[in-house]
Amino acid sequence: MANEFDQAYGFIIKSCNYLGTMCSVKGEIEVWEKKEKDRIFLVDKSTERFLSRRRQDDPEWYENSKVMLTSLIEHNCSLPPLLCMC
């Protein structure tokens, strides 16, 4: 039987668009956005943790964060090796 993380991750895969992966100090973080474009999910599979935020909670934060996350994903290879343990 799948654990809670696996079930939640399966839901994200089915209901979201994959935006990309970015490095973190501890590994990689996947970035997903719901197909309705109203929620962003950050997924750390190595620690089985999620972070999400809805657009309606703070529309300005949502738009700014999406731009920032997209930029981090696109420029992932330019991070200093010390900061990227991928």
Protein backbone atom coordinates (compact mmCIF):
# COMPACT_ATOMS: atom_id res chain seq x y z
CA MET A 1 0.00 0.00 0.00
CA ALA A 2 1.30 3.45 -0.90
CA ASN A 3 2.11 5.89 1.86
CA GLU A 4 0.56 9.37 2.15
CA PHE A 5 3.42 11.01 0.28
CA ASP A 6 3.10 8.63 -2.68
CA GLN A 7 -0.66 9.21 -2.86
CA ALA A 8 -0.29 12.99 -2.69
CA TYR A 9 2.53 12.94 -5.26
CA GLY A 10 0.36 10.85 -7.57
CA PHE A 11 -2.40 13.46 -7.27
CA ILE A 12 0.06 16.24 -8.14
CA ILE A 13 1.32 14.38 -11.22
CA LYS A 14 -2.25 13.84 -12.47
CA SER A 15 -3.60 17.33 -11.78
CA CYS A 16 -0.58 19.59 -12.38
CA ASN A 17 1.85 20.74 -15.04
CA TYR A 18 5.53 20.11 -14.35
CA LEU A 19 7.47 23.39 -14.49
CA GLY A 20 10.90 21.92 -13.80
CA THR A 21 13.45 21.05 -11.14
CA MET A 22 15.74 23.36 -9.25
CA CYS A 23 18.65 22.68 -6.96
CA SER A 24 18.54 23.28 -3.25
CA VAL A 25 21.23 22.95 -0.62
CA LYS A 26 19.97 19.44 0.21
CA GLY A 27 19.10 18.17 -3.27
CA GLU A 28 16.45 18.85 -5.88
CA ILE A 29 13.04 20.49 -5.62
CA GLU A 30 10.36 19.80 -8.23
CA VAL A 31 8.03 22.67 -9.14
CA TRP A 32 4.47 21.94 -10.27
CA GLU A 33 1.49 24.18 -11.06
CA LYS A 34 -2.13 23.06 -11.09
CA LYS A 35 -3.64 22.98 -14.56
CA GLU A 36 -6.10 25.66 -13.44
CA LYS A 37 -3.05 27.83 -12.61
CA ASP A 38 -4.30 28.53 -9.11
CA ARG A 39 -1.76 26.66 -6.95
CA ILE A 40 2.00 26.06 -6.97
CA PHE A 41 3.53 22.95 -5.40
CA LEU A 42 7.17 22.53 -4.40
CA VAL A 43 8.08 18.87 -3.88
CA ASP A 44 11.18 17.53 -2.15
CA LYS A 45 11.08 13.80 -2.87
CA SER A 46 14.20 13.03 -0.82
CA THR A 47 12.52 14.20 2.40
CA GLU A 48 8.95 13.47 1.22
CA ARG A 49 7.78 17.04 1.86
CA PHE A 50 5.47 19.41 0.02
CA LEU A 51 4.92 23.14 0.09
CA SER A 52 2.01 24.73 -1.72
CA ARG A 53 0.40 28.13 -2.03
CA ARG A 54 -2.90 29.16 -3.58
CA ARG A 55 -3.22 32.17 -5.86
CA GLN A 56 -6.26 33.45 -3.97
CA ASP A 57 -4.27 33.64 -0.70
CA ASP A 58 -1.94 36.27 -2.12
CA PRO A 59 -2.15 36.93 -5.90
CA GLU A 60 0.90 39.21 -5.98
CA TRP A 61 3.05 36.68 -4.11
CA TYR A 62 1.85 33.95 -6.47
CA GLU A 63 2.83 35.82 -9.63
CA ASN A 64 6.17 37.00 -8.22
CA SER A 65 7.01 33.52 -6.96
CA LYS A 66 6.15 31.88 -10.27
CA VAL A 67 8.47 34.29 -12.10
CA MET A 68 11.24 33.70 -9.56
CA LEU A 69 10.84 29.90 -9.64
CA THR A 70 10.84 29.84 -13.44
CA SER A 71 14.03 31.91 -13.45
CA LEU A 72 15.70 29.58 -10.94
CA ILE A 73 14.74 26.55 -13.03
CA GLU A 74 16.03 28.14 -16.27
CA HIS A 75 19.33 29.22 -14.68
CA ASN A 76 19.85 26.14 -12.54
CA CYS A 77 23.14 25.29 -14.20
CA SER A 78 24.59 28.67 -13.25
CA LEU A 79 24.34 28.08 -9.50
CA PRO A 80 27.70 27.78 -7.75
CA PRO A 81 28.61 24.09 -7.23
CA LEU A 82 28.74 24.66 -3.49
CA LEU A 83 25.04 25.59 -3.47
CA CYS A 84 23.94 22.85 -5.84
CA MET A 85 24.32 19.35 -4.43
CA CYS A 86 22.41 17.75 -7.33
